[in-house]
Amino acid sequence: YKKAFIRSVIFSIIIGISFEILQSQLTESRTASLLDVFANSIGALFGVLFYQLIIRNKRIEKLIFKIE
C-alpha cells in the first residue's frame, strides 16, 4: 500500500501541474500559478489520505460501495 499511496500522490500532483499548464496555454483569461500548483498538490495529498484513512475502512467501504 505504501507504493500505491506514493504513486497516487505523485500521479495526482502531475495531473494538477498538467491542468495548470493547459489552462495557461488553452485560455486567454487564465494563467498558470505556482500557488495553484501548491493548492492542487495539497488537495491531492489530502484526497489520497482521506481514501487511505476513511474509505479503505472495510466497514465503510462496504457501506458506500455496497460490497458483499
C-alpha atoms as a PDB file:
ATOM      1  CA  TYR A   1       0.000   0.000   0.000  1.00  0.00           C
ATOM      2  CA  LYS A   2       2.916   2.338   0.589  1.00  0.00           C
ATOM      3  CA  LYS A   3       3.949   2.221  -3.084  1.00  0.00           C
ATOM      4  CA  ALA A   4       0.355   2.702  -4.214  1.00  0.00           C
ATOM      5  CA  PHE A   5      -0.025   5.660  -1.845  1.00  0.00           C
ATOM      6  CA  ILE A   6       3.128   7.343  -3.145  1.00  0.00           C
ATOM      7  CA  ARG A   7       2.210   6.659  -6.781  1.00  0.00           C
ATOM      8  CA  SER A   8      -1.288   8.055  -6.249  1.00  0.00           C
ATOM      9  CA  VAL A   9       0.035  11.266  -4.740  1.00  0.00           C
ATOM     10  CA  ILE A  10       2.668  11.714  -7.462  1.00  0.00           C
ATOM     11  CA  PHE A  11       0.173  10.984 -10.247  1.00  0.00           C
ATOM     12  CA  SER A  12      -2.336  13.440  -8.761  1.00  0.00           C
ATOM     13  CA  ILE A  13       0.321  16.156  -8.500  1.00  0.00           C
ATOM     14  CA  ILE A  14       1.354  15.577 -12.120  1.00  0.00           C
ATOM     15  CA  ILE A  15      -2.283  15.883 -13.214  1.00  0.00           C
ATOM     16  CA  GLY A  16      -2.607  19.149 -11.242  1.00  0.00           C
ATOM     17  CA  ILE A  17       0.526  20.572 -12.864  1.00  0.00           C
ATOM     18  CA  SER A  18      -0.756  19.475 -16.276  1.00  0.00           C
ATOM     19  CA  PHE A  19      -4.050  21.293 -15.694  1.00  0.00           C
ATOM     20  CA  GLU A  20      -2.176  24.473 -14.788  1.00  0.00           C
ATOM     21  CA  ILE A  21      -0.069  24.271 -17.940  1.00  0.00           C
ATOM     22  CA  LEU A  22      -3.108  23.536 -20.103  1.00  0.00           C
ATOM     23  CA  GLN A  23      -5.155  26.390 -18.684  1.00  0.00           C
ATOM     24  CA  SER A  24      -2.349  28.841 -19.398  1.00  0.00           C
ATOM     25  CA  GLN A  25      -1.885  27.510 -22.943  1.00  0.00           C
ATOM     26  CA  LEU A  26      -5.512  26.979 -23.965  1.00  0.00           C
ATOM     27  CA  THR A  27      -7.239  30.003 -22.459  1.00  0.00           C
ATOM     28  CA  GLU A  28      -6.618  33.713 -22.718  1.00  0.00           C
ATOM     29  CA  SER A  29      -8.235  34.665 -19.427  1.00  0.00           C
ATOM     30  CA  ARG A  30      -6.423  32.175 -17.147  1.00  0.00           C
ATOM     31  CA  THR A  31      -2.767  31.890 -16.226  1.00  0.00           C
ATOM     32  CA  ALA A  32      -0.703  29.220 -14.528  1.00  0.00           C
ATOM     33  CA  SER A  33       0.175  29.909 -10.903  1.00  0.00           C
ATOM     34  CA  LEU A  34       2.605  28.247  -8.530  1.00  0.00           C
ATOM     35  CA  LEU A  35       0.117  28.829  -5.720  1.00  0.00           C
ATOM     36  CA  ASP A  36      -2.476  26.855  -7.679  1.00  0.00           C
ATOM     37  CA  VAL A  37       0.042  24.036  -8.184  1.00  0.00           C
ATOM     38  CA  PHE A  38       0.695  24.064  -4.440  1.00  0.00           C
ATOM     39  CA  ALA A  39      -3.049  24.030  -3.677  1.00  0.00           C
ATOM     40  CA  ASN A  40      -3.594  21.177  -6.152  1.00  0.00           C
ATOM     41  CA  SER A  41      -0.762  19.218  -4.547  1.00  0.00           C
ATOM     42  CA  ILE A  42      -2.152  19.702  -1.045  1.00  0.00           C
ATOM     43  CA  GLY A  43      -5.604  18.666  -2.304  1.00  0.00           C
ATOM     44  CA  ALA A  44      -4.154  15.550  -3.911  1.00  0.00           C
ATOM     45  CA  LEU A  45      -2.352  14.612  -0.706  1.00  0.00           C
ATOM     46  CA  PHE A  46      -5.482  15.124   1.403  1.00  0.00           C
ATOM     47  CA  GLY A  47      -7.595  13.180  -1.100  1.00  0.00           C
ATOM     48  CA  VAL A  48      -5.301  10.180  -1.010  1.00  0.00           C
ATOM     49  CA  LEU A  49      -5.012  10.395   2.785  1.00  0.00           C
ATOM     50  CA  PHE A  50      -8.811  10.591   3.055  1.00  0.00           C
ATOM     51  CA  TYR A  51      -9.129   7.442   0.979  1.00  0.00           C
ATOM     52  CA  GLN A  52      -6.467   5.630   2.972  1.00  0.00           C
ATOM     53  CA  LEU A  53      -7.919   6.548   6.365  1.00  0.00           C
ATOM     54  CA  ILE A  54     -11.660   6.582   5.751  1.00  0.00           C
ATOM     55  CA  ILE A  55     -12.713   4.820   2.582  1.00  0.00           C
ATOM     56  CA  ARG A  56     -10.326   1.879   2.982  1.00  0.00           C
ATOM     57  CA  ASN A  57     -12.011   1.069   6.274  1.00  0.00           C
ATOM     58  CA  LYS A  58     -13.722  -2.183   5.311  1.00  0.00           C
ATOM     59  CA  ARG A  59     -16.996  -1.445   7.086  1.00  0.00           C
ATOM     60  CA  ILE A  60     -17.311   1.995   5.495  1.00  0.00           C
ATOM     61  CA  GLU A  61     -16.179   0.668   2.129  1.00  0.00           C
ATOM     62  CA  LYS A  62     -18.914  -2.000   2.203  1.00  0.00           C
ATOM     63  CA  LEU A  63     -21.499   0.614   3.139  1.00  0.00           C
ATOM     64  CA  ILE A  64     -20.503   3.120   0.438  1.00  0.00           C
ATOM     65  CA  PHE A  65     -19.820   0.726  -2.431  1.00  0.00           C
ATOM     66  CA  LYS A  66     -22.379  -1.919  -1.448  1.00  0.00           C
ATOM     67  CA  ILE A  67     -19.719  -4.664  -1.376  1.00  0.00           C
ATOM     68  CA  GLU A  68     -20.999  -8.026  -0.195  1.00  0.00           C
END
